[in-house]
Amino acid sequence: MKTLKDIIRYALIACMLLVTETATAQIVVEDSTAAKSEELFLIGDSLIEVNDSVMEGRLMADTIEFKRTKRDWNTWRPNPKHAMWLGIVIPGAGQIYNHKYWKLPIIYGGFVGCIYAWRWNGMMYKDYSQAYMDIMDDDPNTKSYEQFLHLGNVINDSNKSTWENKFKRRKDFYRRYRDLSIFVLIGVYALSVIDAYVDASLSEFDISDDLSLRVQPAVINSQTSANPFKSAAVGMQCSLKF
């Protein structure tokens, strides 16, 4: 019959065996996990290398495509719509887009001249309007019209109506030319847009060097008459070759 001491000893041996098997299984699991992690790391490195090679291939393809699609300025033709919208947004930008730089001084010169005429005529209209209002009222303190009088000229009852008509005519004169300057400014702006569009449209219009006008005699046939002698006529024919 087994004693209590033997039972305790058998139980300790069984616990030690169980602990040893568990530790061994854990070591095996850890080894397999480490191996799998190493495999994953190797797969990740290979994927990174593949991605790097793919990116390098794409960059090389983009570079080759960029080199292939590089604009040739000798065969480049402007787009009429692009030129028109650029001219609408910024005056003169359509001419820059069409590479017609020599037109810029003409366009901007027209703008500067119209703006100067607009301001000058507006200033003179304002001054003559004030002078006309001052000479027409009965207030003796309002005498802005005296700045337009020559040395020694005086306005009195005998010549007041003459000066009134003169100030009115000058006021209307400068007002008319002020408005005309505004319309001309708008016209220059519209002309710059139209020029940019037409110039871009005509960039593809090819005219041959062999441009000639030929005038030669010709026999003109008419089908209205049954008589062959009356159905034909001799005349001149003009032909334009281009």
Protein backbone atom coordinates (compact mmCIF):
# COMPACT_ATOMS: atom_id res chain seq x y z
CA MET A 1 0.00 0.00 0.00
CA LYS A 2 1.37 3.36 -1.09
CA THR A 3 2.02 5.91 1.56
CA LEU A 4 1.18 9.60 1.47
CA LYS A 5 4.78 10.43 0.76
CA ASP A 6 4.77 8.33 -2.42
CA ILE A 7 1.56 9.97 -3.65
CA ILE A 8 3.02 13.46 -3.14
CA ARG A 9 6.20 12.47 -4.95
CA TYR A 10 4.25 11.08 -7.95
CA ALA A 11 2.18 14.27 -8.10
CA LEU A 12 5.33 16.46 -8.11
CA ILE A 13 6.85 14.35 -10.91
CA ALA A 14 3.63 14.69 -12.97
CA CYS A 15 3.58 18.49 -12.50
CA MET A 16 7.22 18.75 -13.56
CA LEU A 17 6.54 16.69 -16.69
CA LEU A 18 3.50 18.89 -17.54
CA VAL A 19 5.50 22.10 -17.10
CA THR A 20 8.32 20.72 -19.23
CA GLU A 21 5.92 19.78 -22.08
CA THR A 22 4.24 23.24 -21.92
CA ALA A 23 7.59 25.04 -22.08
CA THR A 24 8.66 22.89 -25.00
CA ALA A 25 5.43 23.61 -26.87
CA GLN A 26 5.82 27.34 -26.19
CA ILE A 27 9.37 27.29 -27.51
CA VAL A 28 8.20 25.50 -30.64
CA VAL A 29 5.38 28.03 -31.12
CA GLU A 30 7.79 30.93 -30.59
CA ASP A 31 10.24 29.42 -33.06
CA SER A 32 7.49 28.96 -35.65
CA THR A 33 6.22 32.51 -35.02
CA ALA A 34 9.71 33.92 -35.43
CA ALA A 35 10.13 31.97 -38.63
CA LYS A 36 6.82 33.24 -39.95
CA SER A 37 7.73 36.82 -38.99
CA GLU A 38 11.03 36.47 -40.79
CA GLU A 39 9.21 35.17 -43.83
CA LEU A 40 6.79 38.13 -43.66
CA PHE A 41 9.71 40.51 -43.39
CA LEU A 42 11.29 38.92 -46.42
CA ILE A 43 8.00 39.15 -48.34
CA GLY A 44 7.63 42.80 -47.28
CA ASP A 45 11.15 43.60 -48.46
CA SER A 46 10.45 41.94 -51.79
CA LEU A 47 7.16 43.87 -52.10
CA ILE A 48 8.97 47.12 -51.32
CA GLU A 49 11.59 46.28 -53.96
CA VAL A 50 8.83 45.49 -56.46
CA ASN A 51 7.01 48.74 -55.64
CA ASP A 52 10.25 50.68 -55.98
CA SER A 53 10.92 49.10 -59.36
CA VAL A 54 7.35 49.83 -60.47
CA MET A 55 7.64 53.47 -59.36
CA GLU A 56 10.97 53.82 -61.13
CA GLY A 57 9.41 52.32 -64.25
CA ARG A 58 6.51 54.77 -64.06
CA LEU A 59 8.84 57.72 -63.57
CA MET A 60 10.91 56.62 -66.54
CA ALA A 61 7.75 56.16 -68.62
CA ASP A 62 6.49 59.63 -67.59
CA THR A 63 9.86 61.13 -68.46
CA ILE A 64 9.88 59.42 -71.84
CA GLU A 65 6.29 60.54 -72.47
CA PHE A 66 7.16 64.12 -71.48
CA LYS A 67 10.10 64.05 -73.86
CA ARG A 68 7.88 62.67 -76.58
CA THR A 69 5.15 65.28 -76.08
CA LYS A 70 7.52 68.23 -75.85
CA ARG A 71 6.07 71.13 -77.78
CA ASP A 72 7.61 71.91 -81.11
CA TRP A 73 7.38 75.67 -81.57
CA ASN A 74 7.95 75.37 -85.29
CA THR A 75 4.74 73.38 -85.82
CA TRP A 76 2.72 74.74 -82.87
CA ARG A 77 -0.54 76.47 -83.73
CA PRO A 78 -2.50 78.63 -81.25
CA ASN A 79 -6.03 77.76 -80.19
CA PRO A 80 -8.49 80.52 -81.23
CA LYS A 81 -10.72 80.04 -78.15
CA HIS A 82 -7.77 80.24 -75.78
CA ALA A 83 -6.56 83.40 -77.49
CA MET A 84 -10.04 84.95 -77.31
CA TRP A 85 -10.54 84.24 -73.60
CA LEU A 86 -7.07 85.45 -72.74
CA GLY A 87 -7.78 88.68 -74.64
CA ILE A 88 -11.07 89.11 -72.77
CA VAL A 89 -9.53 88.62 -69.32
CA ILE A 90 -6.29 90.55 -69.91
CA PRO A 91 -6.05 92.98 -72.85
CA GLY A 92 -3.06 92.05 -74.99
CA ALA A 93 -2.73 88.53 -73.54
CA GLY A 94 -4.17 87.05 -76.73
CA GLN A 95 -1.42 88.68 -78.79
CA ILE A 96 1.19 87.33 -76.38
CA TYR A 97 -0.34 83.87 -76.69
CA ASN A 98 -0.18 84.15 -80.49
CA HIS A 99 3.46 85.34 -80.29
CA LYS A 100 2.57 88.62 -82.02
CA TYR A 101 4.48 90.85 -79.63
CA TRP A 102 4.78 93.72 -82.12
CA LYS A 103 1.04 94.40 -81.71
CA LEU A 104 1.32 95.12 -77.99
CA PRO A 105 2.60 98.74 -78.37
CA ILE A 106 -0.31 99.48 -80.73
CA ILE A 107 -2.91 98.04 -78.36
CA TYR A 108 -1.55 99.55 -75.16
CA GLY A 109 -0.85 102.83 -76.95
CA GLY A 110 -4.52 102.94 -77.93
CA PHE A 111 -5.56 102.23 -74.34
CA VAL A 112 -3.29 104.92 -72.91
CA GLY A 113 -4.42 107.49 -75.48
CA CYS A 114 -8.10 106.80 -74.87
CA ILE A 115 -7.73 106.92 -71.09
CA TYR A 116 -5.82 110.19 -71.31
CA ALA A 117 -8.47 111.73 -73.61
CA TRP A 118 -11.21 110.46 -71.30
CA ARG A 119 -9.66 112.07 -68.23
CA TRP A 120 -8.77 115.32 -69.99
CA ASN A 121 -12.19 115.83 -71.54
CA GLY A 122 -13.89 114.83 -68.30
CA MET A 123 -11.87 117.37 -66.35
CA MET A 124 -12.61 120.15 -68.84
CA TYR A 125 -16.30 119.22 -68.92
CA LYS A 126 -16.46 119.43 -65.14
CA ASP A 127 -14.80 122.85 -65.07
CA TYR A 128 -16.96 124.33 -67.83
CA SER A 129 -20.10 122.86 -66.30
CA GLN A 130 -19.31 124.58 -63.01
CA ALA A 131 -18.52 127.82 -64.82
CA TYR A 132 -21.81 127.65 -66.74
CA MET A 133 -23.79 127.05 -63.55
CA ASP A 134 -22.03 129.93 -61.80
CA ILE A 135 -22.67 132.39 -64.62
CA MET A 136 -26.31 131.36 -64.83
CA ASP A 137 -27.14 131.86 -61.14
CA ASP A 138 -27.59 135.17 -59.37
CA ASP A 139 -25.06 134.53 -56.61
CA PRO A 140 -22.18 137.07 -56.87
CA ASN A 141 -19.90 134.83 -54.77
CA THR A 142 -19.79 132.05 -57.37
CA LYS A 143 -17.32 133.22 -60.00
CA SER A 144 -15.44 130.12 -61.09
CA TYR A 145 -15.91 131.23 -64.70
CA GLU A 146 -13.36 134.01 -64.24
CA GLN A 147 -10.49 131.52 -64.62
CA PHE A 148 -11.45 131.12 -68.30
CA LEU A 149 -11.43 134.85 -69.04
CA HIS A 150 -8.47 136.36 -70.82
CA LEU A 151 -6.57 139.25 -69.30
CA GLY A 152 -8.67 142.42 -69.42
CA ASN A 153 -11.99 140.68 -70.23
CA VAL A 154 -14.90 141.44 -67.92
CA ILE A 155 -18.37 139.94 -67.92
CA ASN A 156 -21.17 142.47 -67.59
CA ASP A 157 -24.81 142.72 -68.58
CA SER A 158 -23.97 143.58 -72.18
CA ASN A 159 -21.89 140.46 -72.93
CA LYS A 160 -23.23 138.06 -70.32
CA SER A 161 -25.46 136.18 -72.78
CA THR A 162 -22.50 135.76 -75.16
CA TRP A 163 -20.39 134.17 -72.44
CA GLU A 164 -23.27 131.99 -71.35
CA ASN A 165 -23.57 130.55 -74.85
CA LYS A 166 -19.81 130.13 -75.07
CA PHE A 167 -19.60 128.20 -71.80
CA LYS A 168 -22.55 126.05 -72.81
CA ARG A 169 -20.98 125.17 -76.16
CA ARG A 170 -17.66 124.28 -74.55
CA LYS A 171 -19.40 122.22 -71.88
CA ASP A 172 -21.26 120.25 -74.53
CA PHE A 173 -18.08 119.93 -76.63
CA TYR A 174 -16.03 118.33 -73.85
CA ARG A 175 -18.91 116.14 -72.75
CA ARG A 176 -19.28 114.77 -76.29
CA TYR A 177 -15.57 114.02 -76.62
CA ARG A 178 -15.46 112.51 -73.14
CA ASP A 179 -18.19 110.05 -74.14
CA LEU A 180 -16.48 109.45 -77.47
CA SER A 181 -13.23 108.58 -75.68
CA ILE A 182 -15.08 105.96 -73.63
CA PHE A 183 -16.59 104.40 -76.75
CA VAL A 184 -13.22 104.37 -78.52
CA LEU A 185 -11.64 102.71 -75.48
CA ILE A 186 -14.28 99.97 -75.60
CA GLY A 187 -13.67 99.66 -79.35
CA VAL A 188 -9.92 99.20 -78.87
CA TYR A 189 -10.60 96.52 -76.27
CA ALA A 190 -13.04 94.69 -78.58
CA LEU A 191 -10.63 95.04 -81.50
CA SER A 192 -7.81 93.47 -79.49
CA VAL A 193 -10.02 90.47 -78.66
CA ILE A 194 -11.18 90.08 -82.27
CA ASP A 195 -7.61 90.41 -83.54
CA ALA A 196 -6.39 87.69 -81.16
CA TYR A 197 -9.17 85.30 -82.24
CA VAL A 198 -8.80 85.95 -85.98
CA ASP A 199 -5.01 85.79 -85.84
CA ALA A 200 -5.13 82.43 -84.06
CA SER A 201 -7.71 81.13 -86.56
CA LEU A 202 -5.60 82.18 -89.55
CA SER A 203 -2.45 80.58 -88.15
CA GLU A 204 -3.37 77.34 -89.96
CA PHE A 205 -4.24 79.10 -93.22
CA ASP A 206 -1.45 78.11 -95.56
CA ILE A 207 -0.77 80.28 -98.60
CA SER A 208 1.54 78.83 -101.19
CA ASP A 209 4.46 80.80 -102.57
CA ASP A 210 3.09 80.24 -106.07
CA LEU A 211 0.51 83.04 -105.98
CA SER A 212 -0.37 84.28 -109.45
CA LEU A 213 -3.17 85.91 -111.43
CA ARG A 214 -3.59 84.73 -114.99
CA VAL A 215 -5.68 86.54 -117.60
CA GLN A 216 -6.27 84.66 -120.85
CA PRO A 217 -8.83 84.50 -123.67
CA ALA A 218 -11.59 81.91 -123.39
CA VAL A 219 -14.59 80.63 -125.33
CA ILE A 220 -17.79 80.82 -123.28
CA ASN A 221 -20.47 78.32 -124.28
CA SER A 222 -24.17 79.02 -123.70
CA GLN A 223 -26.89 76.35 -123.84
CA THR A 224 -29.78 78.80 -124.31
CA SER A 225 -29.56 78.81 -128.10
CA ALA A 226 -29.78 75.85 -130.48
CA ASN A 227 -27.55 77.53 -133.05
CA PRO A 228 -23.90 76.55 -132.30
CA PHE A 229 -22.64 79.82 -133.77
CA LYS A 230 -24.83 81.88 -131.43
CA SER A 231 -24.26 79.71 -128.33
CA ALA A 232 -20.54 80.46 -128.15
CA ALA A 233 -18.87 83.73 -127.29
CA VAL A 234 -15.28 84.85 -126.98
CA GLY A 235 -14.21 86.62 -123.82
CA MET A 236 -11.47 87.01 -121.19
CA GLN A 237 -10.96 84.61 -118.29
CA CYS A 238 -9.24 85.48 -115.01
CA SER A 239 -7.86 82.71 -112.79
CA LEU A 240 -6.21 83.14 -109.39
CA LYS A 241 -3.84 80.38 -108.32
CA PHE A 242 -2.67 80.00 -104.70
